[in-house]
Amino acid sequence: MRFYLYIVLIAALLAGCRDSVEDQAKELGNREFTTDVWATASSLQRGEMTASLLKKHDLTRSNGSDIVALLGRPTGYYDYDTNPAYVVGPATVESVYTKGYLLVFETDKENGKVERIFFVPAVE
């Protein structure tokens, strides 16, 4: 019984050791982010800009409407319409949501503030 408890504990610890969203974004590239380029970029090019986007803008202090004003209409969907999400990166990556990574800005349902930014699936 103790053995199984240790396995569960180790699995929980490993799940919590994922890289930050900023570190994951660096894996996709280092293209400079501008709103004009983002507006016309492919999902692959947008993926390459995510590290620059996250470095230039403190989006955790924003709300969902700020995200849409900066990045335009969401191109993906994550659980609720209040969570702006954008398909980024190569189409060779798949999840239950789309082909490509989904850059999600999860917001508080009551005040609209961004609570968490993450990729689905996580960038390895």
Protein backbone atom coordinates (compact mmCIF):
# COMPACT_ATOMS: atom_id res chain seq x y z
CA MET A 1 0.00 0.00 0.00
CA ARG A 2 2.82 2.39 0.84
CA PHE A 3 4.41 1.68 -2.52
CA TYR A 4 1.30 2.92 -4.32
CA LEU A 5 1.20 6.01 -2.16
CA TYR A 6 4.80 6.82 -3.15
CA ILE A 7 3.96 6.32 -6.83
CA VAL A 8 1.02 8.72 -6.58
CA LEU A 9 3.16 11.26 -4.70
CA ILE A 10 5.94 11.10 -7.29
CA ALA A 11 3.45 11.45 -10.15
CA ALA A 12 1.91 14.51 -8.49
CA LEU A 13 5.32 16.10 -8.01
CA LEU A 14 6.31 15.48 -11.62
CA ALA A 15 3.06 16.97 -12.88
CA GLY A 16 3.85 20.15 -10.95
CA CYS A 17 7.34 20.45 -12.49
CA ARG A 18 6.25 21.65 -15.92
CA ASP A 19 8.09 24.55 -17.48
CA SER A 20 6.49 27.98 -17.21
CA VAL A 21 4.44 29.25 -20.13
CA GLU A 22 7.31 31.65 -20.93
CA ASP A 23 9.81 28.79 -21.11
CA GLN A 24 7.44 26.75 -23.25
CA ALA A 25 6.94 29.72 -25.60
CA LYS A 26 10.70 29.96 -26.16
CA GLU A 27 10.59 26.44 -27.62
CA LEU A 28 8.35 27.72 -30.42
CA GLY A 29 10.73 30.42 -31.62
CA ASN A 30 11.92 33.97 -31.12
CA ARG A 31 10.17 36.06 -33.77
CA GLU A 32 9.48 39.65 -32.65
CA PHE A 33 5.85 40.31 -31.68
CA THR A 34 3.93 43.27 -33.05
CA THR A 35 0.16 43.55 -33.28
CA ASP A 36 0.36 44.32 -37.01
CA VAL A 37 2.42 41.23 -37.81
CA TRP A 38 0.30 39.04 -35.49
CA ALA A 39 -2.87 40.17 -37.30
CA THR A 40 -1.72 38.65 -40.61
CA ALA A 41 0.54 35.86 -39.36
CA SER A 42 -0.02 32.15 -39.80
CA SER A 43 -0.48 30.01 -36.69
CA LEU A 44 3.13 28.83 -37.11
CA GLN A 45 4.39 32.43 -37.18
CA ARG A 46 2.19 33.33 -34.22
CA GLY A 47 3.74 30.47 -32.29
CA GLU A 48 7.17 31.89 -33.04
CA MET A 49 6.01 35.24 -31.57
CA THR A 50 4.55 33.98 -28.29
CA ALA A 51 7.79 34.32 -26.30
CA SER A 52 8.16 37.93 -27.44
CA LEU A 53 4.47 38.61 -26.73
CA LEU A 54 4.72 37.29 -23.19
CA LYS A 55 7.97 39.17 -22.57
CA LYS A 56 6.67 42.52 -23.88
CA HIS A 57 3.24 42.43 -22.25
CA ASP A 58 2.31 41.53 -18.67
CA LEU A 59 -0.90 39.85 -19.70
CA THR A 60 -1.62 38.43 -16.25
CA ARG A 61 -2.69 41.96 -15.25
CA SER A 62 -5.15 42.14 -18.15
CA ASN A 63 -8.71 41.08 -18.69
CA GLY A 64 -10.21 39.12 -21.57
CA SER A 65 -11.21 42.23 -23.52
CA ASP A 66 -7.64 43.59 -23.25
CA ILE A 67 -6.34 40.35 -24.77
CA VAL A 68 -8.80 40.58 -27.67
CA ALA A 69 -7.92 44.25 -28.22
CA LEU A 70 -4.23 43.31 -28.44
CA LEU A 71 -4.44 40.03 -30.40
CA GLY A 72 -7.71 40.28 -32.28
CA ARG A 73 -10.58 37.83 -32.42
CA PRO A 74 -9.71 34.48 -30.80
CA THR A 75 -8.93 31.69 -33.25
CA GLY A 76 -9.52 28.84 -30.81
CA TYR A 77 -11.82 27.77 -28.03
CA TYR A 78 -11.07 26.60 -24.49
CA ASP A 79 -14.06 25.51 -22.38
CA TYR A 80 -15.84 28.90 -22.18
CA ASP A 81 -16.25 31.91 -24.48
CA THR A 82 -14.76 34.06 -21.72
CA ASN A 83 -11.33 32.40 -22.20
CA PRO A 84 -9.65 33.95 -25.24
CA ALA A 85 -7.61 31.27 -27.00
CA TYR A 86 -5.38 31.38 -30.08
CA VAL A 87 -4.12 28.55 -32.26
CA VAL A 88 -0.34 28.88 -32.50
CA GLY A 89 2.57 26.76 -33.66
CA PRO A 90 2.82 23.83 -36.05
CA ALA A 91 -0.29 21.92 -37.16
CA THR A 92 1.57 18.66 -36.51
CA VAL A 93 0.63 18.99 -32.82
CA GLU A 94 -2.89 17.90 -31.94
CA SER A 95 -5.18 18.11 -28.92
CA VAL A 96 -8.89 17.63 -28.35
CA TYR A 97 -9.30 21.32 -29.23
CA THR A 98 -7.40 21.77 -32.48
CA LYS A 99 -4.36 21.06 -34.61
CA GLY A 100 -1.55 23.20 -33.23
CA TYR A 101 -1.05 24.51 -29.74
CA LEU A 102 -3.79 26.50 -28.09
CA LEU A 103 -2.51 29.58 -26.24
CA VAL A 104 -5.16 30.03 -23.55
CA PHE A 105 -5.89 33.09 -21.44
CA GLU A 106 -8.07 31.63 -18.71
CA THR A 107 -10.18 34.33 -17.10
CA ASP A 108 -12.19 34.69 -13.91
CA LYS A 109 -15.84 34.23 -14.87
CA GLU A 110 -17.02 37.10 -12.65
CA ASN A 111 -14.49 39.90 -13.20
CA GLY A 112 -12.89 38.87 -16.51
CA LYS A 113 -9.31 39.12 -15.19
CA VAL A 114 -6.74 36.73 -16.64
CA GLU A 115 -5.97 34.12 -13.98
CA ARG A 116 -3.66 31.86 -15.93
CA ILE A 117 -1.92 31.65 -19.31
CA PHE A 118 -0.98 28.23 -20.68
CA PHE A 119 -0.61 26.05 -23.76
CA VAL A 120 -2.80 23.07 -24.65
CA PRO A 121 -1.11 20.69 -24.99
CA ALA A 122 1.95 21.77 -23.01
CA VAL A 123 4.93 22.53 -25.24
CA GLU A 124 7.55 19.84 -24.70
